[in-house]
């Protein structure tokens, strides 16, 4: 009997005690998160996750089931935190700026919680944002995964923007969100691409510089699309 199995069976009938179980689940999720972020869903096995976490593979199946269920558990753990943070941020912005909201202000309320969490949350959050970016660009099942975990807060963003620019068509707001999320997730991935491209003038880890530019950039895109579409309608 391995040391891991001995620890797992301390709670009786081969199952971990409740407290030990919570610790082991978090250890497994941390290990899986890092591996999925580095190698993608298809590049990781449950055996590798078990080795990284220092547990028996059977324990992963006990807690999470198959690899896809483990992946979903990794995704859900931090998605709930992000959704709550963004919902609270947008609600606070609407309350504080009733009658004086701007597109840029709404976008900042939506994105800034992610930048703050990435700055202050440690390596686990860095890995998670890399993982979300990967999923967002996975045609086979990425869209379905993003829908399950993030759609409500995205719809809140769109409806809030609609209240600021009621003349905007929903199709344009959703297209603009599509472009915004691409910019947002590439930024949060901190790939280092801009470091080499700019020859050291910019650094992907410099989220304060991102904060000074990203909200205005995205808002200008929204405003330009809305204005162009409205002009086309009026001239037609």
Protein backbone atom coordinates (compact mmCIF):
# COMPACT_ATOMS: atom_id res chain seq x y z
CA UNK A 1 0.00 0.00 0.00
CA UNK A 2 1.39 3.41 -0.99
CA UNK A 3 1.70 6.31 1.42
CA UNK A 4 -0.95 8.21 -0.55
CA UNK A 5 -3.42 5.34 -0.30
CA UNK A 6 -2.70 5.01 3.41
CA UNK A 7 -3.48 8.70 3.91
CA UNK A 8 -6.61 8.46 1.77
CA UNK A 9 -7.94 5.55 3.80
CA UNK A 10 -7.48 7.28 7.12
CA UNK A 11 -11.07 8.59 6.90
CA UNK A 12 -12.55 5.08 6.85
CA UNK A 13 -13.61 2.61 4.13
CA UNK A 14 -10.90 3.80 1.79
CA UNK A 15 -12.22 7.36 1.58
CA UNK A 16 -10.41 10.49 2.75
CA UNK A 17 -11.75 12.36 5.73
CA UNK A 18 -13.72 15.50 4.87
CA UNK A 19 -10.95 17.92 5.82
CA UNK A 20 -8.25 15.88 4.10
CA UNK A 21 -10.53 15.46 1.10
CA UNK A 22 -10.87 19.21 0.63
CA UNK A 23 -7.10 19.64 0.80
CA UNK A 24 -6.49 16.85 -1.70
CA UNK A 25 -9.11 18.19 -4.10
CA UNK A 26 -7.46 21.61 -4.10
CA UNK A 27 -4.04 20.03 -4.60
CA UNK A 28 -5.34 18.06 -7.58
CA UNK A 29 -7.07 21.12 -9.07
CA UNK A 30 -3.91 23.22 -8.68
CA UNK A 31 -1.82 20.55 -10.39
CA UNK A 32 -4.33 20.06 -13.21
CA UNK A 33 -4.67 23.80 -13.76
CA UNK A 34 -0.95 24.28 -14.23
CA UNK A 35 -0.61 21.31 -16.57
CA UNK A 36 -3.64 22.21 -18.68
CA UNK A 37 -2.39 25.80 -18.98
CA UNK A 38 1.03 24.62 -20.19
CA UNK A 39 0.01 21.74 -22.44
CA UNK A 40 -3.69 22.10 -23.24
CA UNK A 41 -6.49 19.64 -22.59
CA UNK A 42 -5.30 17.00 -25.06
CA UNK A 43 -1.67 17.23 -23.96
CA UNK A 44 -2.35 16.14 -20.37
CA UNK A 45 -3.31 12.76 -18.88
CA UNK A 46 -4.87 12.06 -15.51
CA UNK A 47 -1.76 10.06 -14.70
CA UNK A 48 0.35 13.18 -15.21
CA UNK A 49 -1.99 15.19 -13.02
CA UNK A 50 -1.76 12.55 -10.32
CA UNK A 51 2.04 12.57 -10.47
CA UNK A 52 2.13 16.38 -10.29
CA UNK A 53 -0.27 16.39 -7.32
CA UNK A 54 1.49 13.50 -5.58
CA UNK A 55 -1.65 11.35 -5.38
CA UNK A 56 -2.86 8.06 -6.76
CA UNK A 57 -4.67 8.24 -10.12
CA UNK A 58 -7.66 6.48 -8.56
CA UNK A 59 -8.15 9.46 -6.26
CA UNK A 60 -8.67 11.76 -9.26
CA UNK A 61 -11.37 9.45 -10.60
CA UNK A 62 -12.91 9.26 -7.12
CA UNK A 63 -13.24 13.04 -6.79
CA UNK A 64 -13.79 14.15 -10.37
CA UNK A 65 -14.48 11.24 -12.71
CA UNK A 66 -12.98 11.36 -16.21
CA UNK A 67 -10.48 13.93 -17.47
CA UNK A 68 -13.18 16.18 -18.95
CA UNK A 69 -14.95 16.38 -15.60
CA UNK A 70 -11.63 17.27 -13.95
CA UNK A 71 -11.10 19.98 -16.57
CA UNK A 72 -14.58 21.39 -15.94
CA UNK A 73 -13.90 21.46 -12.20
CA UNK A 74 -10.69 23.40 -12.83
CA UNK A 75 -12.57 25.83 -15.05
CA UNK A 76 -15.50 26.32 -12.67
CA UNK A 77 -13.42 26.94 -9.55
CA UNK A 78 -12.20 30.37 -10.63
CA UNK A 79 -14.99 31.20 -13.11
CA UNK A 80 -17.39 31.72 -10.21
CA UNK A 81 -15.02 34.19 -8.60
CA UNK A 82 -14.52 36.11 -11.85
CA UNK A 83 -18.24 36.27 -12.57
CA UNK A 84 -19.04 37.59 -9.10
CA UNK A 85 -16.27 40.19 -9.29
CA UNK A 86 -17.35 41.48 -12.70
CA UNK A 87 -21.04 41.49 -11.83
CA UNK A 88 -20.34 43.47 -8.65
CA UNK A 89 -18.05 45.87 -10.52
CA UNK A 90 -20.60 46.63 -13.22
CA UNK A 91 -23.41 47.01 -10.69
CA UNK A 92 -21.29 49.43 -8.69
CA UNK A 93 -20.47 51.43 -11.82
CA UNK A 94 -24.13 51.69 -12.85
CA UNK A 95 -25.14 52.79 -9.36
CA UNK A 96 -22.36 55.39 -9.07
CA UNK A 97 -22.82 56.84 -12.58
CA UNK A 98 -26.56 56.73 -13.15
CA UNK A 99 -27.36 58.98 -16.08
CA UNK A 100 -23.68 59.64 -16.83
CA UNK A 101 -22.34 56.26 -17.94
CA UNK A 102 -19.87 55.96 -20.81
CA UNK A 103 -18.90 53.04 -23.02
CA UNK A 104 -15.35 53.23 -21.70
CA UNK A 105 -16.55 53.26 -18.10
CA UNK A 106 -18.68 50.15 -18.63
CA UNK A 107 -15.81 48.32 -20.34
CA UNK A 108 -13.44 49.26 -17.53
CA UNK A 109 -15.92 47.93 -14.96
CA UNK A 110 -16.06 44.66 -16.90
CA UNK A 111 -12.33 44.14 -17.52
CA UNK A 112 -10.57 45.77 -14.59
CA UNK A 113 -11.51 43.09 -12.02
CA UNK A 114 -9.64 40.55 -14.16
CA UNK A 115 -6.55 42.74 -14.35
CA UNK A 116 -6.62 43.30 -10.58
CA UNK A 117 -6.99 39.59 -9.90
CA UNK A 118 -4.16 38.76 -12.30
CA UNK A 119 -1.90 41.31 -10.61
CA UNK A 120 -2.62 40.25 -7.06
CA UNK A 121 -3.77 36.63 -7.26
CA UNK A 122 -0.53 34.74 -7.78
CA UNK A 123 0.60 32.13 -10.29
CA UNK A 124 -2.60 30.10 -10.10
CA UNK A 125 -4.56 32.96 -11.62
CA UNK A 126 -1.91 33.51 -14.29
CA UNK A 127 -2.30 29.86 -15.30
CA UNK A 128 -6.06 30.14 -15.27
CA UNK A 129 -6.15 33.09 -17.65
CA UNK A 130 -3.86 31.23 -20.05
CA UNK A 131 -6.28 28.31 -19.86
CA UNK A 132 -9.32 30.49 -20.55
CA UNK A 133 -7.58 31.98 -23.59
CA UNK A 134 -6.90 28.46 -24.90
CA UNK A 135 -10.51 27.40 -24.42
CA UNK A 136 -11.77 30.58 -26.06
CA UNK A 137 -9.81 29.58 -29.18
CA UNK A 138 -10.77 25.89 -29.27
CA UNK A 139 -13.35 25.39 -32.06
CA UNK A 140 -14.42 21.86 -31.13
CA UNK A 141 -15.82 22.51 -27.65
CA UNK A 142 -14.40 25.83 -26.47
CA UNK A 143 -17.50 27.83 -27.34
CA UNK A 144 -19.74 25.44 -25.43
CA UNK A 145 -17.47 25.63 -22.38
CA UNK A 146 -17.36 29.44 -22.43
CA UNK A 147 -21.15 29.51 -22.82
CA UNK A 148 -21.69 27.34 -19.77
CA UNK A 149 -19.41 29.34 -17.50
CA UNK A 150 -19.46 32.96 -18.69
CA UNK A 151 -22.55 33.85 -20.74
CA UNK A 152 -24.62 35.56 -17.99
CA UNK A 153 -21.98 38.16 -17.17
CA UNK A 154 -21.35 38.80 -20.89
CA UNK A 155 -25.07 39.40 -21.44
CA UNK A 156 -24.98 41.83 -18.51
CA UNK A 157 -22.17 43.72 -20.24
CA UNK A 158 -24.08 43.88 -23.53
CA UNK A 159 -27.28 45.06 -21.86
CA UNK A 160 -25.39 47.73 -19.93
CA UNK A 161 -23.73 48.96 -23.13
CA UNK A 162 -27.14 48.97 -24.81
CA UNK A 163 -28.43 51.26 -22.06
CA UNK A 164 -25.54 53.65 -22.75
CA UNK A 165 -25.95 53.50 -26.55
CA UNK A 166 -29.62 52.56 -27.11
CA UNK A 167 -29.28 53.28 -30.83
CA UNK A 168 -26.76 50.44 -31.20
CA UNK A 169 -27.97 47.22 -32.77
CA UNK A 170 -27.48 44.10 -30.68
CA UNK A 171 -25.60 42.40 -33.51
CA UNK A 172 -23.02 45.19 -33.42
CA UNK A 173 -22.70 44.99 -29.64
CA UNK A 174 -22.08 41.25 -29.82
CA UNK A 175 -19.52 41.64 -32.62
CA UNK A 176 -17.76 44.28 -30.58
CA UNK A 177 -17.72 41.96 -27.59
CA UNK A 178 -16.15 39.30 -29.81
CA UNK A 179 -13.30 41.69 -30.61
CA UNK A 180 -13.02 42.90 -27.03
CA UNK A 181 -12.66 39.41 -25.59
CA UNK A 182 -9.88 38.63 -28.06
CA UNK A 183 -7.91 41.66 -26.91
CA UNK A 184 -8.67 40.96 -23.26
CA UNK A 185 -7.64 37.31 -23.26
CA UNK A 186 -4.47 37.82 -25.29
CA UNK A 187 -3.48 40.53 -22.81
CA UNK A 188 -4.20 38.34 -19.78
CA UNK A 189 -2.22 35.46 -21.28
CA UNK A 190 0.99 37.51 -20.94
CA UNK A 191 2.66 35.58 -23.75
CA UNK A 192 5.73 37.84 -23.96
CA UNK A 193 5.13 38.44 -27.66
CA UNK A 194 4.98 42.22 -27.25
CA UNK A 195 8.25 42.16 -25.28
CA UNK A 196 10.24 40.86 -28.23
CA UNK A 197 8.19 42.65 -30.85
CA UNK A 198 8.79 46.04 -29.21
CA UNK A 199 12.43 45.18 -28.37
CA UNK A 200 11.80 45.76 -24.69
CA UNK A 201 9.70 48.94 -25.01
CA UNK A 202 6.65 47.06 -23.74
CA UNK A 203 6.21 44.11 -21.38
CA UNK A 204 3.21 41.78 -21.39
CA UNK A 205 3.41 41.55 -17.59
CA UNK A 206 3.03 45.35 -17.23
CA UNK A 207 -0.68 45.35 -16.46
CA UNK A 208 -0.63 48.98 -15.32
CA UNK A 209 0.33 49.99 -18.85
CA UNK A 210 -2.44 47.72 -20.11
CA UNK A 211 -4.90 49.46 -17.81
CA UNK A 212 -3.91 52.86 -19.22
CA UNK A 213 -4.68 51.75 -22.79
CA UNK A 214 -6.99 48.75 -23.11
CA UNK A 215 -10.26 50.32 -21.93
CA UNK A 216 -9.89 53.31 -24.24
CA UNK A 217 -8.89 51.07 -27.16
CA UNK A 218 -11.91 48.80 -26.77
CA UNK A 219 -14.31 51.69 -26.19
CA UNK A 220 -13.10 53.51 -29.30
CA UNK A 221 -13.77 50.36 -31.31
CA UNK A 222 -17.31 50.12 -29.95
CA UNK A 223 -18.00 53.77 -30.67
CA UNK A 224 -16.59 53.57 -34.19
CA UNK A 225 -18.62 50.49 -35.12
CA UNK A 226 -21.82 51.99 -33.74
CA UNK A 227 -21.24 55.30 -35.50
CA UNK A 228 -20.45 53.61 -38.84
CA UNK A 229 -23.52 51.40 -38.71
CA UNK A 230 -25.77 54.31 -37.75
CA UNK A 231 -24.36 56.37 -40.64
CA UNK A 232 -24.99 53.52 -43.06
CA UNK A 233 -28.60 53.23 -41.88
CA UNK A 234 -29.27 56.95 -42.11
CA UNK A 235 -27.80 57.21 -45.61
CA UNK A 236 -29.72 54.17 -46.78
